[in-house]
Amino acid sequence: MIDLQDVWASYDGVGVLESVDLTVKDKVFLAIIDPNDGGKSTLLKVSPGLIKPEQSMVKLLGDVPRT
């Protein structure tokens, strides 16, 4: 399960994600469709803690990922 609330992320001061909320429950299929440079990869990197968001509440499988 993934739970993101009020996620903000940027690269070199350029905003990529602004106030994103997303909850994905167990055994749910999800497709993320967005234009190029829309923030899909950043969203996927924030979820497991690969990059640290500027502000957010992120939980992956019930725990806060370490960045």
N, C-alpha and C. Protein backbone atom coordinates (compact mmCIF):
# COMPACT_ATOMS: atom_id res chain seq x y z
N MET A 1 0.84 -1.17 0.00
CA MET A 1 0.00 0.00 0.00
C MET A 1 0.89 1.24 0.00
N ILE A 2 0.46 2.24 -0.74
CA ILE A 2 1.15 3.52 -0.84
C ILE A 2 0.19 4.61 -0.39
N ASP A 3 0.67 5.50 0.44
CA ASP A 3 -0.15 6.63 0.89
C ASP A 3 0.71 7.90 0.83
N LEU A 4 0.36 8.79 -0.07
CA LEU A 4 1.06 10.07 -0.23
C LEU A 4 0.08 11.19 0.06
N GLN A 5 0.51 12.15 0.87
CA GLN A 5 -0.34 13.30 1.16
C GLN A 5 0.48 14.57 1.09
N ASP A 6 0.00 15.50 0.29
CA ASP A 6 0.60 16.83 0.14
C ASP A 6 2.09 16.74 -0.22
N VAL A 7 2.40 15.98 -1.25
CA VAL A 7 3.79 15.79 -1.69
C VAL A 7 4.20 16.93 -2.61
N TRP A 8 5.34 17.54 -2.27
CA TRP A 8 5.96 18.59 -3.08
C TRP A 8 7.38 18.16 -3.36
N ALA A 9 7.82 18.23 -4.61
CA ALA A 9 9.20 17.88 -4.95
C ALA A 9 9.67 18.77 -6.09
N SER A 10 10.99 19.02 -6.11
CA SER A 10 11.57 19.86 -7.17
C SER A 10 12.99 19.41 -7.44
N TYR A 11 13.50 19.82 -8.58
CA TYR A 11 14.89 19.60 -8.96
C TYR A 11 15.50 20.97 -9.22
N ASP A 12 16.57 21.28 -8.51
CA ASP A 12 17.27 22.55 -8.67
C ASP A 12 16.33 23.75 -8.61
N GLY A 13 15.36 23.69 -7.69
CA GLY A 13 14.45 24.81 -7.50
C GLY A 13 13.28 24.87 -8.47
N VAL A 14 13.20 23.95 -9.42
CA VAL A 14 12.09 23.91 -10.37
C VAL A 14 11.07 22.89 -9.87
N GLY A 15 9.86 23.35 -9.55
CA GLY A 15 8.82 22.48 -9.03
C GLY A 15 8.40 21.41 -10.02
N VAL A 16 8.29 20.17 -9.53
CA VAL A 16 7.87 19.04 -10.36
C VAL A 16 6.54 18.49 -9.86
N LEU A 17 6.44 18.31 -8.54
CA LEU A 17 5.20 17.85 -7.92
C LEU A 17 4.73 18.92 -6.94
N GLU A 18 3.44 19.23 -6.99
CA GLU A 18 2.88 20.23 -6.10
C GLU A 18 1.58 19.71 -5.50
N SER A 19 1.60 19.49 -4.19
CA SER A 19 0.41 19.08 -3.43
C SER A 19 -0.26 17.84 -4.00
N VAL A 20 0.52 16.78 -4.20
CA VAL A 20 0.01 15.52 -4.76
C VAL A 20 -0.50 14.64 -3.63
N ASP A 21 -1.70 14.12 -3.78
CA ASP A 21 -2.29 13.15 -2.86
C ASP A 21 -2.58 11.87 -3.65
N LEU A 22 -2.18 10.73 -3.09
CA LEU A 22 -2.40 9.45 -3.78
C LEU A 22 -2.45 8.35 -2.74
N THR A 23 -3.47 7.50 -2.82
CA THR A 23 -3.56 6.31 -1.99
C THR A 23 -3.79 5.13 -2.90
N VAL A 24 -2.93 4.12 -2.79
CA VAL A 24 -3.06 2.89 -3.57
C VAL A 24 -3.17 1.74 -2.56
N LYS A 25 -4.28 1.06 -2.57
CA LYS A 25 -4.52 -0.04 -1.64
C LYS A 25 -3.89 -1.33 -2.16
N ASP A 26 -3.80 -2.32 -1.29
CA ASP A 26 -3.25 -3.62 -1.63
C ASP A 26 -4.04 -4.28 -2.76
N LYS A 27 -3.35 -4.93 -3.67
CA LYS A 27 -3.92 -5.68 -4.80
C LYS A 27 -4.70 -4.80 -5.77
N VAL A 28 -4.24 -3.56 -5.95
CA VAL A 28 -4.86 -2.63 -6.89
C VAL A 28 -3.89 -2.39 -8.03
N PHE A 29 -4.39 -2.43 -9.25
CA PHE A 29 -3.59 -2.13 -10.44
C PHE A 29 -3.70 -0.64 -10.71
N LEU A 30 -2.56 0.01 -10.94
CA LEU A 30 -2.54 1.46 -11.15
C LEU A 30 -1.73 1.79 -12.39
N ALA A 31 -2.26 2.67 -13.21
CA ALA A 31 -1.52 3.19 -14.36
C ALA A 31 -1.38 4.70 -14.16
N ILE A 32 -0.18 5.21 -14.36
CA ILE A 32 0.07 6.64 -14.25
C ILE A 32 0.32 7.18 -15.65
N ILE A 33 -0.58 8.02 -16.11
CA ILE A 33 -0.52 8.58 -17.45
C ILE A 33 -0.41 10.09 -17.32
N ASP A 34 0.61 10.66 -17.95
CA ASP A 34 0.86 12.08 -17.84
C ASP A 34 1.74 12.48 -19.03
N PRO A 35 1.73 13.73 -19.43
CA PRO A 35 2.60 14.14 -20.53
C PRO A 35 4.07 14.06 -20.13
N ASN A 36 4.96 14.15 -21.12
CA ASN A 36 6.39 14.18 -20.83
C ASN A 36 6.69 15.31 -19.86
N ASP A 37 7.63 15.06 -18.94
CA ASP A 37 8.02 16.04 -17.92
C ASP A 37 6.87 16.41 -16.99
N GLY A 38 5.93 15.49 -16.80
CA GLY A 38 4.78 15.75 -15.94
C GLY A 38 4.98 15.33 -14.50
N GLY A 39 6.06 14.59 -14.19
CA GLY A 39 6.35 14.21 -12.82
C GLY A 39 6.15 12.75 -12.48
N LYS A 40 5.88 11.91 -13.49
CA LYS A 40 5.65 10.48 -13.24
C LYS A 40 6.84 9.82 -12.57
N SER A 41 8.02 9.99 -13.11
CA SER A 41 9.22 9.36 -12.55
C SER A 41 9.53 9.90 -11.16
N THR A 42 9.33 11.18 -10.96
CA THR A 42 9.57 11.77 -9.65
C THR A 42 8.61 11.18 -8.63
N LEU A 43 7.36 11.01 -8.99
CA LEU A 43 6.39 10.40 -8.10
C LEU A 43 6.80 8.99 -7.72
N LEU A 44 7.28 8.23 -8.69
CA LEU A 44 7.71 6.86 -8.42
C LEU A 44 8.99 6.82 -7.58
N LYS A 45 9.82 7.85 -7.66
CA LYS A 45 11.04 7.90 -6.85
C LYS A 45 10.76 8.37 -5.43
N VAL A 46 9.75 9.22 -5.24
CA VAL A 46 9.39 9.70 -3.92
C VAL A 46 8.75 8.57 -3.10
N SER A 47 7.93 7.74 -3.73
CA SER A 47 7.19 6.71 -3.00
C SER A 47 8.08 5.78 -2.18
N PRO A 48 9.15 5.19 -2.73
CA PRO A 48 10.00 4.30 -1.92
C PRO A 48 11.12 5.03 -1.18
N GLY A 49 11.20 6.35 -1.32
CA GLY A 49 12.22 7.11 -0.61
C GLY A 49 13.52 7.28 -1.38
N LEU A 50 13.50 7.08 -2.69
CA LEU A 50 14.72 7.27 -3.49
C LEU A 50 15.12 8.74 -3.55
N ILE A 51 14.14 9.63 -3.54
CA ILE A 51 14.42 11.06 -3.41
C ILE A 51 13.54 11.60 -2.29
N LYS A 52 14.03 12.63 -1.63
CA LYS A 52 13.29 13.21 -0.51
C LYS A 52 12.45 14.38 -1.01
N PRO A 53 11.15 14.34 -0.73
CA PRO A 53 10.30 15.46 -1.12
C PRO A 53 10.54 16.66 -0.22
N GLU A 54 10.17 17.84 -0.70
CA GLU A 54 10.33 19.06 0.09
C GLU A 54 9.41 19.04 1.30
N GLN A 55 8.19 18.59 1.09
CA GLN A 55 7.26 18.41 2.20
C GLN A 55 6.31 17.31 1.81
N SER A 56 5.87 16.53 2.79
CA SER A 56 4.93 15.45 2.48
C SER A 56 4.71 14.57 3.68
N MET A 57 3.77 13.67 3.50
CA MET A 57 3.59 12.53 4.37
C MET A 57 3.57 11.34 3.41
N VAL A 58 4.58 10.51 3.48
CA VAL A 58 4.71 9.36 2.59
C VAL A 58 4.77 8.10 3.44
N LYS A 59 3.92 7.13 3.11
CA LYS A 59 3.98 5.82 3.75
C LYS A 59 3.96 4.75 2.66
N LEU A 60 4.85 3.79 2.79
CA LEU A 60 4.93 2.67 1.87
C LEU A 60 4.83 1.41 2.71
N LEU A 61 3.80 0.64 2.47
CA LEU A 61 3.50 -0.57 3.27
C LEU A 61 3.38 -0.23 4.75
N GLY A 62 2.83 0.94 5.04
CA GLY A 62 2.57 1.35 6.42
C GLY A 62 3.73 2.05 7.13
N ASP A 63 4.92 2.08 6.52
CA ASP A 63 6.08 2.70 7.13
C ASP A 63 6.55 3.89 6.31
N VAL A 64 7.22 4.81 6.97
CA VAL A 64 7.83 5.96 6.30
C VAL A 64 9.16 5.50 5.71
N PRO A 65 9.35 5.63 4.37
CA PRO A 65 10.61 5.20 3.77
C PRO A 65 11.76 6.09 4.18
N ARG A 66 12.94 5.51 4.29
CA ARG A 66 14.14 6.28 4.58
C ARG A 66 14.72 6.85 3.30
N THR A 67 15.20 8.09 3.37
CA THR A 67 15.81 8.70 2.19
C THR A 67 17.28 8.95 2.44
